[in-house]
């Protein structure tokens, strides 16, 4: 029996027949994949990480057509406050340490590799409740232009869950005053 390549030839020999590669991410799953790829390249982001004892440290890692990527560090006790992201959607990935996300009366502990995503209108708070520093990567699309602060409902009503490796369904980052988690 002949193989597909023997019958039809090598498809890579005819690049004009291949679908064009997308110029940039276009779906939530694409942006989640971008975040995972950047997270996996520790040599590219780890030397850039800094820590600020007064507020969260942040560094814009990349911009692209309609999106931006931020690298953040969180010392123990540092948090974002309850906030939204205006018209932006986003994906954030924990790179090192642990972070706690509080939203919708639920607190989730997020370990390295955990990934969360959100749409406009989503309100959450991200905090380093651990005793060690944490680092996270945030992708916003479109680029973050506002970060409205909100009052968080009483934390006493929060249930707690550990989310060690949450992934974006197949169908489907922050700074001082202007950007967040």
C-alpha atoms as a PDB file:
ATOM      1  CA  UNK A   1       0.000   0.000   0.000  1.00  0.00           C
ATOM      2  CA  UNK A   2       1.298   3.448  -0.894  1.00  0.00           C
ATOM      3  CA  UNK A   3       1.570   6.249   1.663  1.00  0.00           C
ATOM      4  CA  UNK A   4      -0.144   9.609   1.240  1.00  0.00           C
ATOM      5  CA  UNK A   5       3.175  11.206   0.348  1.00  0.00           C
ATOM      6  CA  UNK A   6       3.864   8.585  -2.308  1.00  0.00           C
ATOM      7  CA  UNK A   7       0.415   9.159  -3.820  1.00  0.00           C
ATOM      8  CA  UNK A   8       0.030  12.916  -3.455  1.00  0.00           C
ATOM      9  CA  UNK A   9       3.573  14.160  -2.984  1.00  0.00           C
ATOM     10  CA  UNK A  10       4.988  16.210  -0.152  1.00  0.00           C
ATOM     11  CA  UNK A  11       2.455  18.975   0.735  1.00  0.00           C
ATOM     12  CA  UNK A  12       5.288  21.181   2.019  1.00  0.00           C
ATOM     13  CA  UNK A  13       6.723  21.202  -1.493  1.00  0.00           C
ATOM     14  CA  UNK A  14       3.729  23.353  -2.526  1.00  0.00           C
ATOM     15  CA  UNK A  15       3.608  26.202   0.033  1.00  0.00           C
ATOM     16  CA  UNK A  16       1.110  28.159  -2.066  1.00  0.00           C
ATOM     17  CA  UNK A  17      -1.441  25.415  -1.286  1.00  0.00           C
ATOM     18  CA  UNK A  18      -1.022  25.709   2.505  1.00  0.00           C
ATOM     19  CA  UNK A  19      -3.340  28.005   4.468  1.00  0.00           C
ATOM     20  CA  UNK A  20      -1.624  31.258   5.424  1.00  0.00           C
ATOM     21  CA  UNK A  21      -0.194  31.388   8.928  1.00  0.00           C
ATOM     22  CA  UNK A  22      -2.077  33.906  11.087  1.00  0.00           C
ATOM     23  CA  UNK A  23      -0.178  37.160  11.576  1.00  0.00           C
ATOM     24  CA  UNK A  24      -1.160  37.280  15.256  1.00  0.00           C
ATOM     25  CA  UNK A  25      -3.451  35.494  17.732  1.00  0.00           C
ATOM     26  CA  UNK A  26      -7.126  35.897  16.925  1.00  0.00           C
ATOM     27  CA  UNK A  27      -9.056  33.754  19.433  1.00  0.00           C
ATOM     28  CA  UNK A  28      -9.036  33.242  23.203  1.00  0.00           C
ATOM     29  CA  UNK A  29      -7.411  29.849  22.611  1.00  0.00           C
ATOM     30  CA  UNK A  30      -4.701  31.536  20.475  1.00  0.00           C
ATOM     31  CA  UNK A  31      -3.970  34.065  23.232  1.00  0.00           C
ATOM     32  CA  UNK A  32      -3.890  31.278  25.836  1.00  0.00           C
ATOM     33  CA  UNK A  33      -1.423  29.440  23.597  1.00  0.00           C
ATOM     34  CA  UNK A  34       0.697  32.593  23.306  1.00  0.00           C
ATOM     35  CA  UNK A  35       0.738  32.886  27.112  1.00  0.00           C
ATOM     36  CA  UNK A  36       1.756  29.213  27.474  1.00  0.00           C
ATOM     37  CA  UNK A  37       4.517  29.589  24.870  1.00  0.00           C
ATOM     38  CA  UNK A  38       5.920  32.699  26.556  1.00  0.00           C
ATOM     39  CA  UNK A  39       5.673  31.029  29.971  1.00  0.00           C
ATOM     40  CA  UNK A  40       7.631  28.020  28.697  1.00  0.00           C
ATOM     41  CA  UNK A  41      10.505  30.288  27.580  1.00  0.00           C
ATOM     42  CA  UNK A  42      11.836  30.896  31.104  1.00  0.00           C
ATOM     43  CA  UNK A  43      15.221  32.058  29.769  1.00  0.00           C
ATOM     44  CA  UNK A  44      13.468  34.990  28.053  1.00  0.00           C
ATOM     45  CA  UNK A  45      11.450  36.282  31.033  1.00  0.00           C
ATOM     46  CA  UNK A  46      13.247  35.176  34.225  1.00  0.00           C
ATOM     47  CA  UNK A  47      16.198  37.624  33.924  1.00  0.00           C
ATOM     48  CA  UNK A  48      13.731  40.520  33.578  1.00  0.00           C
ATOM     49  CA  UNK A  49      11.843  39.895  36.844  1.00  0.00           C
ATOM     50  CA  UNK A  50      12.263  42.507  39.561  1.00  0.00           C
ATOM     51  CA  UNK A  51      10.601  42.966  42.938  1.00  0.00           C
ATOM     52  CA  UNK A  52       9.255  46.163  44.506  1.00  0.00           C
ATOM     53  CA  UNK A  53       8.534  46.109  48.249  1.00  0.00           C
ATOM     54  CA  UNK A  54       5.964  48.916  47.931  1.00  0.00           C
ATOM     55  CA  UNK A  55       3.775  47.776  45.035  1.00  0.00           C
ATOM     56  CA  UNK A  56       3.583  45.076  42.413  1.00  0.00           C
ATOM     57  CA  UNK A  57       6.442  45.239  39.934  1.00  0.00           C
ATOM     58  CA  UNK A  58       5.571  45.042  36.233  1.00  0.00           C
ATOM     59  CA  UNK A  59       7.252  45.042  32.852  1.00  0.00           C
ATOM     60  CA  UNK A  60       5.659  45.155  29.397  1.00  0.00           C
ATOM     61  CA  UNK A  61       7.098  42.069  27.725  1.00  0.00           C
ATOM     62  CA  UNK A  62       5.567  42.373  24.278  1.00  0.00           C
ATOM     63  CA  UNK A  63       3.022  44.236  22.194  1.00  0.00           C
ATOM     64  CA  UNK A  64       1.353  43.074  19.023  1.00  0.00           C
ATOM     65  CA  UNK A  65      -1.533  44.085  16.816  1.00  0.00           C
ATOM     66  CA  UNK A  66      -4.362  44.583  19.299  1.00  0.00           C
ATOM     67  CA  UNK A  67      -2.719  42.982  22.345  1.00  0.00           C
ATOM     68  CA  UNK A  68      -0.027  43.437  24.967  1.00  0.00           C
ATOM     69  CA  UNK A  69       1.806  41.100  27.334  1.00  0.00           C
ATOM     70  CA  UNK A  70       2.875  42.042  30.875  1.00  0.00           C
ATOM     71  CA  UNK A  71       5.181  40.314  33.343  1.00  0.00           C
ATOM     72  CA  UNK A  72       4.331  40.943  37.024  1.00  0.00           C
ATOM     73  CA  UNK A  73       5.919  40.022  40.325  1.00  0.00           C
ATOM     74  CA  UNK A  74       4.109  39.802  43.638  1.00  0.00           C
ATOM     75  CA  UNK A  75       5.766  39.809  47.033  1.00  0.00           C
ATOM     76  CA  UNK A  76       3.850  38.180  49.915  1.00  0.00           C
ATOM     77  CA  UNK A  77       0.775  40.268  50.769  1.00  0.00           C
ATOM     78  CA  UNK A  78       0.733  42.268  47.527  1.00  0.00           C
ATOM     79  CA  UNK A  79      -2.509  42.303  45.575  1.00  0.00           C
ATOM     80  CA  UNK A  80      -4.348  44.005  42.766  1.00  0.00           C
ATOM     81  CA  UNK A  81      -7.488  45.076  44.593  1.00  0.00           C
ATOM     82  CA  UNK A  82     -10.845  44.164  43.075  1.00  0.00           C
ATOM     83  CA  UNK A  83     -10.869  45.411  39.496  1.00  0.00           C
ATOM     84  CA  UNK A  84     -12.172  44.965  35.983  1.00  0.00           C
ATOM     85  CA  UNK A  85     -10.410  45.420  32.673  1.00  0.00           C
ATOM     86  CA  UNK A  86     -12.697  47.800  30.786  1.00  0.00           C
ATOM     87  CA  UNK A  87     -13.240  46.576  27.213  1.00  0.00           C
ATOM     88  CA  UNK A  88     -10.298  44.147  27.342  1.00  0.00           C
ATOM     89  CA  UNK A  89     -10.330  40.381  27.639  1.00  0.00           C
ATOM     90  CA  UNK A  90      -7.344  38.604  29.075  1.00  0.00           C
ATOM     91  CA  UNK A  91      -5.409  35.508  30.006  1.00  0.00           C
ATOM     92  CA  UNK A  92      -3.072  35.259  32.948  1.00  0.00           C
ATOM     93  CA  UNK A  93      -0.680  32.466  33.786  1.00  0.00           C
ATOM     94  CA  UNK A  94       1.190  31.857  37.041  1.00  0.00           C
ATOM     95  CA  UNK A  95       4.880  31.394  36.278  1.00  0.00           C
ATOM     96  CA  UNK A  96       6.320  30.977  39.790  1.00  0.00           C
ATOM     97  CA  UNK A  97       4.967  30.867  43.341  1.00  0.00           C
ATOM     98  CA  UNK A  98       1.242  30.832  44.100  1.00  0.00           C
ATOM     99  CA  UNK A  99      -1.444  33.455  43.650  1.00  0.00           C
ATOM    100  CA  UNK A 100      -5.013  33.577  44.939  1.00  0.00           C
ATOM    101  CA  UNK A 101      -7.773  34.817  42.648  1.00  0.00           C
ATOM    102  CA  UNK A 102     -11.027  35.939  44.275  1.00  0.00           C
ATOM    103  CA  UNK A 103     -14.093  36.334  42.081  1.00  0.00           C
ATOM    104  CA  UNK A 104     -17.788  35.459  42.279  1.00  0.00           C
ATOM    105  CA  UNK A 105     -17.572  34.522  45.987  1.00  0.00           C
ATOM    106  CA  UNK A 106     -14.850  31.952  45.239  1.00  0.00           C
ATOM    107  CA  UNK A 107     -11.136  31.968  46.052  1.00  0.00           C
ATOM    108  CA  UNK A 108      -8.832  29.874  43.858  1.00  0.00           C
ATOM    109  CA  UNK A 109      -5.224  29.049  44.677  1.00  0.00           C
ATOM    110  CA  UNK A 110      -3.266  29.122  41.428  1.00  0.00           C
ATOM    111  CA  UNK A 111       0.074  27.288  41.207  1.00  0.00           C
ATOM    112  CA  UNK A 112       2.673  27.553  38.420  1.00  0.00           C
ATOM    113  CA  UNK A 113       1.107  26.596  35.092  1.00  0.00           C
ATOM    114  CA  UNK A 114      -2.424  27.542  36.179  1.00  0.00           C
ATOM    115  CA  UNK A 115      -4.116  29.752  33.637  1.00  0.00           C
ATOM    116  CA  UNK A 116      -7.218  31.929  33.978  1.00  0.00           C
ATOM    117  CA  UNK A 117      -9.027  33.877  31.301  1.00  0.00           C
ATOM    118  CA  UNK A 118     -11.703  36.554  31.426  1.00  0.00           C
ATOM    119  CA  UNK A 119     -13.930  38.718  29.280  1.00  0.00           C
ATOM    120  CA  UNK A 120     -14.935  42.374  29.611  1.00  0.00           C
ATOM    121  CA  UNK A 121     -17.094  42.859  32.710  1.00  0.00           C
ATOM    122  CA  UNK A 122     -15.276  40.224  34.791  1.00  0.00           C
ATOM    123  CA  UNK A 123     -14.274  41.550  38.227  1.00  0.00           C
ATOM    124  CA  UNK A 124     -11.618  39.809  40.289  1.00  0.00           C
ATOM    125  CA  UNK A 125      -8.857  40.368  42.797  1.00  0.00           C
ATOM    126  CA  UNK A 126      -5.461  38.682  42.629  1.00  0.00           C
ATOM    127  CA  UNK A 127      -3.339  38.426  45.778  1.00  0.00           C
ATOM    128  CA  UNK A 128      -0.137  36.718  46.865  1.00  0.00           C
ATOM    129  CA  UNK A 129      -1.378  35.041  50.072  1.00  0.00           C
ATOM    130  CA  UNK A 130       1.711  32.803  50.196  1.00  0.00           C
ATOM    131  CA  UNK A 131       4.960  33.346  52.071  1.00  0.00           C
ATOM    132  CA  UNK A 132       7.110  33.342  48.932  1.00  0.00           C
ATOM    133  CA  UNK A 133       7.226  35.697  45.913  1.00  0.00           C
ATOM    134  CA  UNK A 134       5.158  34.941  42.811  1.00  0.00           C
ATOM    135  CA  UNK A 135       5.492  35.847  39.127  1.00  0.00           C
ATOM    136  CA  UNK A 136       2.706  35.943  36.533  1.00  0.00           C
ATOM    137  CA  UNK A 137       2.264  36.699  32.842  1.00  0.00           C
ATOM    138  CA  UNK A 138      -0.784  38.623  31.568  1.00  0.00           C
ATOM    139  CA  UNK A 139      -2.049  38.969  27.993  1.00  0.00           C
ATOM    140  CA  UNK A 140      -4.698  41.631  27.317  1.00  0.00           C
ATOM    141  CA  UNK A 141      -6.656  41.981  24.086  1.00  0.00           C
ATOM    142  CA  UNK A 142      -7.286  44.613  23.057  1.00  0.00           C
ATOM    143  CA  UNK A 143      -4.442  46.292  24.943  1.00  0.00           C
ATOM    144  CA  UNK A 144      -5.501  47.379  28.422  1.00  0.00           C
ATOM    145  CA  UNK A 145      -6.633  51.018  28.520  1.00  0.00           C
ATOM    146  CA  UNK A 146      -8.455  51.088  31.854  1.00  0.00           C
ATOM    147  CA  UNK A 147      -8.649  49.174  35.105  1.00  0.00           C
ATOM    148  CA  UNK A 148     -11.733  50.267  37.019  1.00  0.00           C
ATOM    149  CA  UNK A 149     -11.534  49.421  40.726  1.00  0.00           C
ATOM    150  CA  UNK A 150     -14.515  47.781  42.454  1.00  0.00           C
ATOM    151  CA  UNK A 151     -15.673  46.929  45.940  1.00  0.00           C
ATOM    152  CA  UNK A 152     -15.265  43.204  46.548  1.00  0.00           C
ATOM    153  CA  UNK A 153     -18.143  41.407  48.265  1.00  0.00           C
ATOM    154  CA  UNK A 154     -17.369  40.139  51.747  1.00  0.00           C
ATOM    155  CA  UNK A 155     -14.609  37.537  51.667  1.00  0.00           C
ATOM    156  CA  UNK A 156     -16.315  35.582  54.450  1.00  0.00           C
ATOM    157  CA  UNK A 157     -18.682  34.140  51.857  1.00  0.00           C
ATOM    158  CA  UNK A 158     -15.847  32.924  49.601  1.00  0.00           C
ATOM    159  CA  UNK A 159     -15.489  29.223  49.103  1.00  0.00           C
ATOM    160  CA  UNK A 160     -11.951  28.013  48.490  1.00  0.00           C
ATOM    161  CA  UNK A 161     -10.705  25.807  45.683  1.00  0.00           C
ATOM    162  CA  UNK A 162      -7.253  24.743  44.573  1.00  0.00           C
ATOM    163  CA  UNK A 163      -6.758  25.187  40.850  1.00  0.00           C
ATOM    164  CA  UNK A 164      -3.407  23.638  40.066  1.00  0.00           C
ATOM    165  CA  UNK A 165      -3.541  23.466  36.289  1.00  0.00           C
ATOM    166  CA  UNK A 166      -6.669  25.047  34.817  1.00  0.00           C
ATOM    167  CA  UNK A 167      -6.657  25.183  31.032  1.00  0.00           C
ATOM    168  CA  UNK A 168      -8.600  27.209  28.487  1.00  0.00           C
ATOM    169  CA  UNK A 169     -11.394  25.184  26.855  1.00  0.00           C
ATOM    170  CA  UNK A 170     -10.531  24.218  23.266  1.00  0.00           C
ATOM    171  CA  UNK A 171     -13.542  26.212  22.001  1.00  0.00           C
ATOM    172  CA  UNK A 172     -12.837  29.087  23.439  1.00  0.00           C
ATOM    173  CA  UNK A 173      -0.920  40.907  31.958  1.00  0.00           C
ATOM    174  CA  UNK A 174      -0.603  44.933  34.866  1.00  0.00           C
ATOM    175  CA  UNK A 175       0.773  47.842  36.468  1.00  0.00           C
ATOM    176  CA  UNK A 176       0.399  50.824  38.711  1.00  0.00           C
ATOM    177  CA  UNK A 177      -3.030  52.346  38.195  1.00  0.00           C
ATOM    178  CA  UNK A 178      -3.401  51.510  34.507  1.00  0.00           C
ATOM    179  CA  UNK A 179      -3.180  47.775  34.244  1.00  0.00           C
ATOM    180  CA  UNK A 180      -3.923  44.798  36.487  1.00  0.00           C
ATOM    181  CA  UNK A 181      -4.250  41.083  36.780  1.00  0.00           C
END
